[in-house]
Amino acid sequence: MSMSIRLLQALFASSLLVPLQVLAAEYSSEYANVDYGFVTKLPRPMVLCTTQPPGSNHGFVALLDSESCEDVSVARARRIQLFAFYNVLDANKTQDLSSFACAGAQAVPVEKGSEMLSAGLNVYRCPQTLDDKKMMHQTYFFLQDIAFVVDLYTRARTSKKDLEDLKALLRGIRRTSL
């Protein structure tokens, strides 16, 4: 594994272990990230958990069935996590991002013409996993001039509805000028 992938994994892991007092909950139907120059429309108003200054703002966690950011820290909330970062990967960018986002498993491209595609970009998905609490986890990622990793945590009975929310969120991502 290359040094840049190890660095990226450490950055991603540390961003998810932010102390609760740094997370802020906001009820919103749109999210704008000035640091990475993008906005996204959410499929419906959702509680967004974001890192507040001086923490790094790489994205958000959209809660699908909770109103407390504390639920994110104990991994019990159905949620969509969006993590953006500047592309610090090696030469084969898609393969490197796949190794990072899929924890070494092989990613597959989402079908062309799929409603999962964001602004005509190639979107990839990792194999779905299931944790010991029956929480399903699906990761999607794509590259622009920045990389996006989007995770869906859901349960079997709500997976279809939650996947529709994820699709709408992906379709709503737009780059902005910095």
N, C-alpha and C. Protein backbone atom coordinates (compact mmCIF):
# COMPACT_ATOMS: atom_id res chain seq x y z
N MET A 1 0.85 -1.17 0.00
CA MET A 1 0.00 0.00 0.00
C MET A 1 0.89 1.23 0.00
N SER A 2 0.57 2.19 -0.83
CA SER A 2 1.42 3.37 -0.95
C SER A 2 1.29 4.28 0.26
N MET A 3 2.28 5.12 0.43
CA MET A 3 2.29 6.06 1.55
C MET A 3 1.09 7.01 1.47
N SER A 4 0.72 7.46 0.26
CA SER A 4 -0.38 8.42 0.16
C SER A 4 -1.71 7.77 0.53
N ILE A 5 -1.89 6.50 0.25
CA ILE A 5 -3.13 5.83 0.64
C ILE A 5 -3.17 5.66 2.14
N ARG A 6 -2.06 5.30 2.77
CA ARG A 6 -2.03 5.19 4.23
C ARG A 6 -2.32 6.54 4.88
N LEU A 7 -1.76 7.60 4.34
CA LEU A 7 -2.01 8.94 4.86
C LEU A 7 -3.48 9.30 4.72
N LEU A 8 -4.05 8.99 3.58
CA LEU A 8 -5.46 9.28 3.32
C LEU A 8 -6.36 8.48 4.26
N GLN A 9 -6.05 7.22 4.50
CA GLN A 9 -6.85 6.41 5.42
C GLN A 9 -6.79 6.98 6.83
N ALA A 10 -5.63 7.44 7.26
CA ALA A 10 -5.50 8.04 8.58
C ALA A 10 -6.31 9.33 8.67
N LEU A 11 -6.27 10.14 7.63
CA LEU A 11 -7.03 11.38 7.60
C LEU A 11 -8.53 11.09 7.68
N PHE A 12 -9.00 10.12 6.90
CA PHE A 12 -10.42 9.77 6.88
C PHE A 12 -10.85 9.25 8.25
N ALA A 13 -10.08 8.34 8.82
CA ALA A 13 -10.43 7.77 10.13
C ALA A 13 -10.47 8.85 11.19
N SER A 14 -9.51 9.74 11.19
CA SER A 14 -9.49 10.79 12.21
C SER A 14 -10.64 11.76 12.04
N SER A 15 -11.11 11.98 10.81
CA SER A 15 -12.22 12.91 10.60
C SER A 15 -13.52 12.34 11.15
N LEU A 16 -13.63 11.02 11.27
CA LEU A 16 -14.84 10.41 11.79
C LEU A 16 -14.81 10.27 13.30
N LEU A 17 -13.67 10.55 13.91
CA LEU A 17 -13.53 10.42 15.35
C LEU A 17 -13.48 11.79 16.03
N VAL A 18 -14.19 12.73 15.44
CA VAL A 18 -14.20 14.09 15.95
C VAL A 18 -14.96 14.12 17.28
N PRO A 19 -14.44 14.79 18.30
CA PRO A 19 -15.18 14.89 19.56
C PRO A 19 -16.56 15.50 19.33
N LEU A 20 -17.54 15.03 20.08
CA LEU A 20 -18.92 15.46 19.86
C LEU A 20 -19.10 16.97 19.99
N GLN A 21 -18.34 17.61 20.85
CA GLN A 21 -18.53 19.05 21.01
C GLN A 21 -18.14 19.81 19.75
N VAL A 22 -17.44 19.19 18.83
CA VAL A 22 -17.05 19.84 17.60
C VAL A 22 -18.10 19.64 16.51
N LEU A 23 -18.96 18.63 16.65
CA LEU A 23 -20.01 18.40 15.67
C LEU A 23 -21.16 19.35 15.92
N ALA A 24 -21.72 19.87 14.84
CA ALA A 24 -22.88 20.74 14.95
C ALA A 24 -24.02 20.14 14.14
N ALA A 25 -25.21 20.18 14.69
CA ALA A 25 -26.39 19.69 13.99
C ALA A 25 -27.12 20.88 13.38
N GLU A 26 -27.50 20.71 12.13
CA GLU A 26 -28.23 21.75 11.43
C GLU A 26 -29.30 21.07 10.58
N TYR A 27 -30.51 21.56 10.62
CA TYR A 27 -31.60 21.02 9.81
C TYR A 27 -31.59 21.78 8.50
N SER A 28 -31.38 21.08 7.37
CA SER A 28 -31.18 21.78 6.11
C SER A 28 -31.63 20.94 4.92
N SER A 29 -31.87 21.61 3.80
CA SER A 29 -32.18 20.91 2.54
C SER A 29 -31.08 21.15 1.51
N GLU A 30 -30.01 21.83 1.94
CA GLU A 30 -28.87 22.06 1.05
C GLU A 30 -27.61 22.15 1.91
N TYR A 31 -26.49 21.73 1.32
CA TYR A 31 -25.21 21.80 2.02
C TYR A 31 -24.21 22.47 1.09
N ALA A 32 -23.45 23.43 1.61
CA ALA A 32 -22.40 24.09 0.85
C ALA A 32 -21.09 23.93 1.59
N ASN A 33 -20.05 23.57 0.85
CA ASN A 33 -18.72 23.41 1.42
C ASN A 33 -17.78 24.38 0.71
N VAL A 34 -17.44 25.46 1.39
CA VAL A 34 -16.56 26.48 0.81
C VAL A 34 -15.15 25.94 0.67
N ASP A 35 -14.69 25.13 1.64
CA ASP A 35 -13.32 24.62 1.62
C ASP A 35 -13.03 23.78 0.37
N TYR A 36 -14.00 22.99 -0.07
CA TYR A 36 -13.80 22.11 -1.22
C TYR A 36 -14.60 22.54 -2.45
N GLY A 37 -15.33 23.63 -2.34
CA GLY A 37 -15.99 24.22 -3.50
C GLY A 37 -17.10 23.37 -4.11
N PHE A 38 -18.05 22.93 -3.28
CA PHE A 38 -19.20 22.20 -3.83
C PHE A 38 -20.44 22.45 -2.99
N VAL A 39 -21.56 22.26 -3.62
CA VAL A 39 -22.86 22.29 -2.94
C VAL A 39 -23.62 21.05 -3.34
N THR A 40 -24.57 20.66 -2.51
CA THR A 40 -25.47 19.59 -2.89
C THR A 40 -26.85 19.88 -2.33
N LYS A 41 -27.85 19.61 -3.13
CA LYS A 41 -29.23 19.68 -2.66
C LYS A 41 -29.55 18.33 -2.05
N LEU A 42 -30.19 18.36 -0.91
CA LEU A 42 -30.59 17.13 -0.25
C LEU A 42 -31.99 16.76 -0.71
N PRO A 43 -32.33 15.48 -0.72
CA PRO A 43 -33.63 15.05 -1.23
C PRO A 43 -34.81 15.57 -0.41
N ARG A 44 -34.55 15.93 0.81
CA ARG A 44 -35.55 16.47 1.73
C ARG A 44 -34.77 17.12 2.87
N PRO A 45 -35.40 17.97 3.66
CA PRO A 45 -34.67 18.52 4.80
C PRO A 45 -34.20 17.40 5.72
N MET A 46 -32.94 17.47 6.13
CA MET A 46 -32.32 16.46 6.98
C MET A 46 -31.47 17.14 8.04
N VAL A 47 -31.23 16.43 9.13
CA VAL A 47 -30.28 16.90 10.13
C VAL A 47 -28.89 16.59 9.59
N LEU A 48 -28.06 17.62 9.48
CA LEU A 48 -26.67 17.46 9.02
C LEU A 48 -25.74 17.66 10.20
N CYS A 49 -24.81 16.74 10.35
CA CYS A 49 -23.77 16.86 11.36
C CYS A 49 -22.49 17.25 10.64
N THR A 50 -21.91 18.35 11.03
CA THR A 50 -20.70 18.84 10.38
C THR A 50 -19.65 19.17 11.43
N THR A 51 -18.41 19.20 11.00
CA THR A 51 -17.31 19.58 11.87
C THR A 51 -17.20 21.09 11.89
N GLN A 52 -17.11 21.64 13.07
CA GLN A 52 -17.01 23.09 13.22
C GLN A 52 -15.54 23.50 13.36
N PRO A 53 -15.23 24.74 12.99
CA PRO A 53 -13.87 25.22 13.17
C PRO A 53 -13.43 25.05 14.61
N PRO A 54 -12.19 24.74 14.85
CA PRO A 54 -11.07 24.72 13.91
C PRO A 54 -10.89 23.38 13.20
N GLY A 55 -11.83 22.45 13.35
CA GLY A 55 -11.72 21.16 12.68
C GLY A 55 -11.79 21.29 11.17
N SER A 56 -11.27 20.29 10.46
CA SER A 56 -11.31 20.28 9.00
C SER A 56 -12.71 19.94 8.53
N ASN A 57 -13.22 20.71 7.58
CA ASN A 57 -14.56 20.50 7.05
C ASN A 57 -14.48 19.71 5.75
N HIS A 58 -14.58 18.39 5.83
CA HIS A 58 -14.50 17.55 4.65
C HIS A 58 -15.88 17.15 4.13
N GLY A 59 -16.94 17.47 4.84
CA GLY A 59 -18.26 17.07 4.39
C GLY A 59 -19.23 17.01 5.53
N PHE A 60 -20.13 16.02 5.50
CA PHE A 60 -21.19 15.96 6.49
C PHE A 60 -21.68 14.55 6.68
N VAL A 61 -22.46 14.39 7.72
CA VAL A 61 -23.24 13.18 7.95
C VAL A 61 -24.70 13.63 7.96
N ALA A 62 -25.51 13.09 7.04
CA ALA A 62 -26.95 13.38 6.98
C ALA A 62 -27.68 12.27 7.71
N LEU A 63 -28.38 12.61 8.77
CA LEU A 63 -29.10 11.62 9.55
C LEU A 63 -30.44 11.31 8.89
N LEU A 64 -30.74 10.03 8.73
CA LEU A 64 -31.96 9.61 8.05
C LEU A 64 -33.09 9.28 9.02
N ASP A 65 -32.77 9.04 10.29
CA ASP A 65 -33.82 8.69 11.25
C ASP A 65 -33.53 9.20 12.66
N SER A 66 -32.70 10.18 12.78
CA SER A 66 -32.32 10.68 14.10
C SER A 66 -32.14 12.19 14.00
N GLU A 67 -32.18 12.84 15.14
CA GLU A 67 -31.93 14.28 15.17
C GLU A 67 -30.74 14.62 16.05
N SER A 68 -29.98 13.60 16.44
CA SER A 68 -28.86 13.81 17.35
C SER A 68 -27.55 13.35 16.72
N CYS A 69 -26.60 14.26 16.64
CA CYS A 69 -25.28 13.90 16.12
C CYS A 69 -24.57 12.91 17.03
N GLU A 70 -25.01 12.79 18.28
CA GLU A 70 -24.42 11.80 19.17
C GLU A 70 -24.64 10.38 18.65
N ASP A 71 -25.72 10.16 17.89
CA ASP A 71 -25.99 8.83 17.34
C ASP A 71 -24.95 8.41 16.32
N VAL A 72 -24.29 9.38 15.69
CA VAL A 72 -23.24 9.06 14.71
C VAL A 72 -22.06 8.42 15.41
N SER A 73 -21.72 8.91 16.58
CA SER A 73 -20.52 8.43 17.26
C SER A 73 -20.66 6.99 17.74
N VAL A 74 -21.87 6.52 17.95
CA VAL A 74 -22.06 5.14 18.39
C VAL A 74 -22.55 4.26 17.24
N ALA A 75 -22.55 4.81 16.04
CA ALA A 75 -22.83 4.08 14.80
C ALA A 75 -24.17 3.36 14.81
N ARG A 76 -25.19 3.98 15.40
CA ARG A 76 -26.49 3.33 15.38
C ARG A 76 -27.49 4.03 14.47
N ALA A 77 -27.15 5.18 13.96
CA ALA A 77 -28.07 5.95 13.14
C ALA A 77 -27.98 5.55 11.67
N ARG A 78 -29.14 5.46 11.03
CA ARG A 78 -29.15 5.36 9.57
C ARG A 78 -28.67 6.71 9.06
N ARG A 79 -27.74 6.67 8.10
CA ARG A 79 -27.14 7.93 7.69
C ARG A 79 -26.46 7.82 6.34
N ILE A 80 -26.21 9.01 5.77
CA ILE A 80 -25.38 9.16 4.57
C ILE A 80 -24.21 10.04 4.97
N GLN A 81 -22.99 9.57 4.73
CA GLN A 81 -21.79 10.35 5.02
C GLN A 81 -21.15 10.75 3.71
N LEU A 82 -20.83 12.02 3.57
CA LEU A 82 -20.12 12.50 2.39
C LEU A 82 -18.79 13.07 2.86
N PHE A 83 -17.71 12.58 2.28
CA PHE A 83 -16.35 12.99 2.63
C PHE A 83 -15.64 13.42 1.36
N ALA A 84 -15.18 14.66 1.32
CA ALA A 84 -14.47 15.19 0.15
C ALA A 84 -13.03 15.50 0.53
N PHE A 85 -12.13 15.29 -0.42
CA PHE A 85 -10.73 15.63 -0.17
C PHE A 85 -10.04 15.87 -1.50
N TYR A 86 -8.98 16.67 -1.43
CA TYR A 86 -8.19 16.91 -2.62
C TYR A 86 -7.50 15.62 -3.01
N ASN A 87 -7.34 15.43 -4.27
CA ASN A 87 -6.81 14.17 -4.79
C ASN A 87 -5.32 14.08 -4.51
N VAL A 88 -4.97 13.29 -3.50
CA VAL A 88 -3.58 13.10 -3.12
C VAL A 88 -3.13 11.67 -3.42
N LEU A 89 -3.82 11.04 -4.36
CA LEU A 89 -3.56 9.63 -4.65
C LEU A 89 -2.48 9.48 -5.71
N ASP A 90 -2.03 8.26 -5.88
CA ASP A 90 -1.00 7.94 -6.86
C ASP A 90 -1.55 7.96 -8.28
N ALA A 91 -0.74 7.53 -9.23
CA ALA A 91 -1.03 7.66 -10.65
C ALA A 91 -2.36 7.03 -11.08
N ASN A 92 -2.65 5.81 -10.68
CA ASN A 92 -3.89 5.17 -11.09
C ASN A 92 -4.98 5.58 -10.10
N LYS A 93 -5.54 6.73 -10.30
CA LYS A 93 -6.41 7.36 -9.31
C LYS A 93 -7.61 6.52 -8.93
N THR A 94 -8.32 5.95 -9.90
CA THR A 94 -9.51 5.16 -9.58
C THR A 94 -9.13 3.92 -8.78
N GLN A 95 -8.07 3.25 -9.17
CA GLN A 95 -7.63 2.06 -8.44
C GLN A 95 -7.18 2.42 -7.02
N ASP A 96 -6.45 3.51 -6.88
CA ASP A 96 -6.00 3.93 -5.56
C ASP A 96 -7.18 4.32 -4.67
N LEU A 97 -8.13 5.06 -5.23
CA LEU A 97 -9.29 5.44 -4.45
C LEU A 97 -10.12 4.22 -4.09
N SER A 98 -10.17 3.24 -4.98
CA SER A 98 -10.87 1.99 -4.70
C SER A 98 -10.23 1.27 -3.51
N SER A 99 -8.90 1.19 -3.49
CA SER A 99 -8.21 0.55 -2.37
C SER A 99 -8.53 1.24 -1.06
N PHE A 100 -8.58 2.56 -1.10
CA PHE A 100 -8.89 3.33 0.10
C PHE A 100 -10.36 3.18 0.50
N ALA A 101 -11.26 3.49 -0.41
CA ALA A 101 -12.69 3.52 -0.08
C ALA A 101 -13.26 2.14 0.21
N CYS A 102 -12.74 1.12 -0.45
CA CYS A 102 -13.28 -0.24 -0.31
C CYS A 102 -12.44 -1.11 0.61
N ALA A 103 -11.53 -0.52 1.34
CA ALA A 103 -10.68 -1.27 2.28
C ALA A 103 -10.01 -2.46 1.59
N GLY A 104 -9.52 -2.23 0.39
CA GLY A 104 -8.80 -3.27 -0.34
C GLY A 104 -9.66 -4.14 -1.23
N ALA A 105 -10.98 -4.10 -1.08
CA ALA A 105 -11.88 -4.89 -1.94
C ALA A 105 -11.98 -4.23 -3.32
N GLN A 106 -12.45 -4.96 -4.30
CA GLN A 106 -12.55 -4.47 -5.67
C GLN A 106 -13.83 -3.65 -5.85
N ALA A 107 -13.71 -2.43 -6.32
CA ALA A 107 -14.87 -1.60 -6.65
C ALA A 107 -15.35 -1.93 -8.05
N VAL A 108 -16.62 -1.69 -8.30
CA VAL A 108 -17.19 -1.89 -9.64
C VAL A 108 -17.84 -0.59 -10.08
N PRO A 109 -17.76 -0.27 -11.38
CA PRO A 109 -18.41 0.95 -11.85
C PRO A 109 -19.93 0.81 -11.77
N VAL A 110 -20.58 1.90 -11.43
CA VAL A 110 -22.04 1.93 -11.49
C VAL A 110 -22.40 2.00 -12.97
N GLU A 111 -23.45 1.34 -13.36
CA GLU A 111 -23.83 1.22 -14.76
C GLU A 111 -23.97 2.58 -15.44
N LYS A 112 -23.51 2.66 -16.69
CA LYS A 112 -23.67 3.88 -17.47
C LYS A 112 -25.16 4.17 -17.62
N GLY A 113 -25.50 5.44 -17.59
CA GLY A 113 -26.90 5.82 -17.70
C GLY A 113 -27.68 5.65 -16.41
N SER A 114 -27.00 5.21 -15.36
CA SER A 114 -27.66 5.00 -14.07
C SER A 114 -27.99 6.34 -13.44
N GLU A 115 -29.06 6.36 -12.67
CA GLU A 115 -29.40 7.58 -11.95
C GLU A 115 -28.45 7.83 -10.78
N MET A 116 -27.51 6.91 -10.55
CA MET A 116 -26.50 7.12 -9.52
C MET A 116 -25.41 8.08 -10.00
N LEU A 117 -25.31 8.29 -11.30
CA LEU A 117 -24.24 9.12 -11.80
C LEU A 117 -24.44 10.56 -11.38
N SER A 118 -23.38 11.18 -10.94
CA SER A 118 -23.41 12.57 -10.51
C SER A 118 -22.82 13.44 -11.61
N ALA A 119 -23.64 14.27 -12.20
CA ALA A 119 -23.18 15.21 -13.23
C ALA A 119 -22.38 14.52 -14.33
N GLY A 120 -22.80 13.31 -14.71
CA GLY A 120 -22.15 12.60 -15.79
C GLY A 120 -20.81 11.98 -15.44
N LEU A 121 -20.43 11.97 -14.18
CA LEU A 121 -19.15 11.39 -13.77
C LEU A 121 -19.28 9.89 -13.58
N ASN A 122 -18.16 9.21 -13.68
CA ASN A 122 -18.15 7.78 -13.40
C ASN A 122 -18.17 7.57 -11.89
N VAL A 123 -19.17 6.84 -11.44
CA VAL A 123 -19.33 6.54 -10.02
C VAL A 123 -19.02 5.06 -9.83
N TYR A 124 -18.31 4.73 -8.77
CA TYR A 124 -17.95 3.35 -8.44
C TYR A 124 -18.57 2.99 -7.10
N ARG A 125 -18.79 1.68 -6.90
CA ARG A 125 -19.30 1.24 -5.61
C ARG A 125 -18.46 0.09 -5.10
N CYS A 126 -18.39 0.02 -3.79
CA CYS A 126 -17.66 -1.05 -3.11
C CYS A 126 -18.65 -2.17 -2.77
N PRO A 127 -18.15 -3.36 -2.47
CA PRO A 127 -19.04 -4.43 -2.04
C PRO A 127 -19.77 -4.02 -0.75
N GLN A 128 -21.04 -4.38 -0.67
CA GLN A 128 -21.84 -4.08 0.52
C GLN A 128 -21.39 -4.94 1.68
N THR A 129 -21.39 -4.37 2.88
CA THR A 129 -21.04 -5.12 4.08
C THR A 129 -22.20 -5.04 5.07
N LEU A 130 -22.19 -5.94 6.05
CA LEU A 130 -23.21 -6.00 7.09
C LEU A 130 -22.49 -6.13 8.42
N ASP A 131 -22.80 -5.24 9.37
CA ASP A 131 -22.11 -5.33 10.66
C ASP A 131 -22.88 -6.23 11.62
N ASP A 132 -22.35 -6.37 12.82
CA ASP A 132 -22.96 -7.26 13.80
C ASP A 132 -24.30 -6.76 14.34
N LYS A 133 -24.64 -5.52 14.04
CA LYS A 133 -25.93 -4.96 14.47
C LYS A 133 -26.92 -4.93 13.30
N LYS A 134 -26.60 -5.65 12.24
CA LYS A 134 -27.45 -5.75 11.05
C LYS A 134 -27.58 -4.42 10.30
N MET A 135 -26.56 -3.57 10.44
CA MET A 135 -26.52 -2.31 9.71
C MET A 135 -25.79 -2.57 8.39
N MET A 136 -26.47 -2.30 7.27
CA MET A 136 -25.87 -2.47 5.95
C MET A 136 -25.05 -1.21 5.63
N HIS A 137 -23.90 -1.43 5.01
CA HIS A 137 -23.00 -0.33 4.66
C HIS A 137 -22.62 -0.46 3.20
N GLN A 138 -22.88 0.60 2.42
CA GLN A 138 -22.53 0.64 1.00
C GLN A 138 -21.75 1.91 0.74
N THR A 139 -20.60 1.79 0.07
CA THR A 139 -19.76 2.94 -0.24
C THR A 139 -19.74 3.20 -1.73
N TYR A 140 -19.86 4.46 -2.11
CA TYR A 140 -19.75 4.92 -3.50
C TYR A 140 -18.65 5.97 -3.52
N PHE A 141 -17.97 6.12 -4.66
CA PHE A 141 -16.97 7.16 -4.78
C PHE A 141 -16.84 7.61 -6.22
N PHE A 142 -16.35 8.83 -6.39
CA PHE A 142 -16.05 9.35 -7.73
C PHE A 142 -15.02 10.46 -7.61
N LEU A 143 -14.38 10.73 -8.73
CA LEU A 143 -13.33 11.74 -8.79
C LEU A 143 -13.76 12.88 -9.69
N GLN A 144 -13.49 14.07 -9.26
CA GLN A 144 -13.49 15.24 -10.11
C GLN A 144 -12.09 15.78 -9.92
N ASP A 145 -11.95 17.07 -9.72
CA ASP A 145 -10.64 17.56 -9.30
C ASP A 145 -10.45 17.32 -7.81
N ILE A 146 -11.51 16.95 -7.13
CA ILE A 146 -11.44 16.45 -5.76
C ILE A 146 -12.09 15.06 -5.76
N ALA A 147 -11.83 14.32 -4.72
CA ALA A 147 -12.42 12.98 -4.60
C ALA A 147 -13.58 13.05 -3.62
N PHE A 148 -14.63 12.29 -3.91
CA PHE A 148 -15.79 12.18 -3.04
C PHE A 148 -15.96 10.72 -2.66
N VAL A 149 -16.16 10.46 -1.36
CA VAL A 149 -16.52 9.13 -0.87
C VAL A 149 -17.84 9.32 -0.13
N VAL A 150 -18.84 8.55 -0.54
CA VAL A 150 -20.18 8.67 0.03
C VAL A 150 -20.59 7.31 0.58
N ASP A 151 -20.93 7.27 1.86
CA ASP A 151 -21.30 6.02 2.53
C ASP A 151 -22.77 6.06 2.93
N LEU A 152 -23.45 4.96 2.71
CA LEU A 152 -24.83 4.78 3.15
C LEU A 152 -24.84 3.70 4.23
N TYR A 153 -25.39 4.03 5.39
CA TYR A 153 -25.59 3.07 6.47
C TYR A 153 -27.10 2.94 6.65
N THR A 154 -27.63 1.74 6.44
CA THR A 154 -29.07 1.54 6.46
C THR A 154 -29.41 0.17 7.01
N ARG A 155 -30.68 -0.11 7.11
CA ARG A 155 -31.19 -1.41 7.54
C ARG A 155 -32.02 -1.99 6.42
N ALA A 156 -32.20 -3.29 6.41
CA ALA A 156 -32.90 -3.98 5.32
C ALA A 156 -34.28 -3.37 5.06
N ARG A 157 -35.03 -3.09 6.12
CA ARG A 157 -36.41 -2.62 5.93
C ARG A 157 -36.48 -1.20 5.36
N THR A 158 -35.40 -0.42 5.46
CA THR A 158 -35.41 0.95 4.96
C THR A 158 -34.43 1.17 3.81
N SER A 159 -33.77 0.12 3.36
CA SER A 159 -32.68 0.28 2.40
C SER A 159 -33.14 0.89 1.07
N LYS A 160 -34.31 0.51 0.59
CA LYS A 160 -34.79 1.03 -0.70
C LYS A 160 -35.02 2.54 -0.62
N LYS A 161 -35.70 2.99 0.43
CA LYS A 161 -35.96 4.43 0.60
C LYS A 161 -34.65 5.19 0.82
N ASP A 162 -33.76 4.64 1.64
CA ASP A 162 -32.49 5.31 1.91
C ASP A 162 -31.62 5.40 0.66
N LEU A 163 -31.65 4.36 -0.16
CA LEU A 163 -30.89 4.39 -1.42
C LEU A 163 -31.43 5.48 -2.34
N GLU A 164 -32.74 5.68 -2.36
CA GLU A 164 -33.32 6.76 -3.16
C GLU A 164 -32.82 8.12 -2.67
N ASP A 165 -32.73 8.30 -1.35
CA ASP A 165 -32.18 9.54 -0.80
C ASP A 165 -30.73 9.73 -1.24
N LEU A 166 -29.95 8.64 -1.23
CA LEU A 166 -28.55 8.72 -1.64
C LEU A 166 -28.45 9.10 -3.12
N LYS A 167 -29.26 8.49 -3.96
CA LYS A 167 -29.24 8.81 -5.40
C LYS A 167 -29.55 10.29 -5.62
N ALA A 168 -30.56 10.80 -4.94
CA ALA A 168 -30.92 12.21 -5.09
C ALA A 168 -29.79 13.11 -4.63
N LEU A 169 -29.15 12.75 -3.54
CA LEU A 169 -28.03 13.53 -3.03
C LEU A 169 -26.90 13.56 -4.05
N LEU A 170 -26.54 12.42 -4.62
CA LEU A 170 -25.47 12.36 -5.61
C LEU A 170 -25.80 13.20 -6.84
N ARG A 171 -27.04 13.14 -7.30
CA ARG A 171 -27.44 13.93 -8.46
C ARG A 171 -27.39 15.43 -8.17
N GLY A 172 -27.48 15.79 -6.88
CA GLY A 172 -27.50 17.21 -6.51
C GLY A 172 -26.14 17.84 -6.30
N ILE A 173 -25.06 17.08 -6.38
CA ILE A 173 -23.72 17.63 -6.13
C ILE A 173 -23.29 18.49 -7.32
N ARG A 174 -22.88 19.72 -7.03
CA ARG A 174 -22.38 20.65 -8.03
C ARG A 174 -21.13 21.34 -7.52
N ARG A 175 -20.16 21.54 -8.39
CA ARG A 175 -18.96 22.28 -8.03
C ARG A 175 -19.29 23.78 -8.09
N THR A 176 -18.65 24.53 -7.23
CA THR A 176 -18.80 25.98 -7.21
C THR A 176 -17.44 26.60 -7.40
N SER A 177 -17.43 27.86 -7.76
CA SER A 177 -16.13 28.54 -7.89
C SER A 177 -15.69 28.96 -6.49
N LEU A 178 -14.41 28.86 -6.28
CA LEU A 178 -13.86 29.21 -4.95
C LEU A 178 -13.46 30.66 -4.89
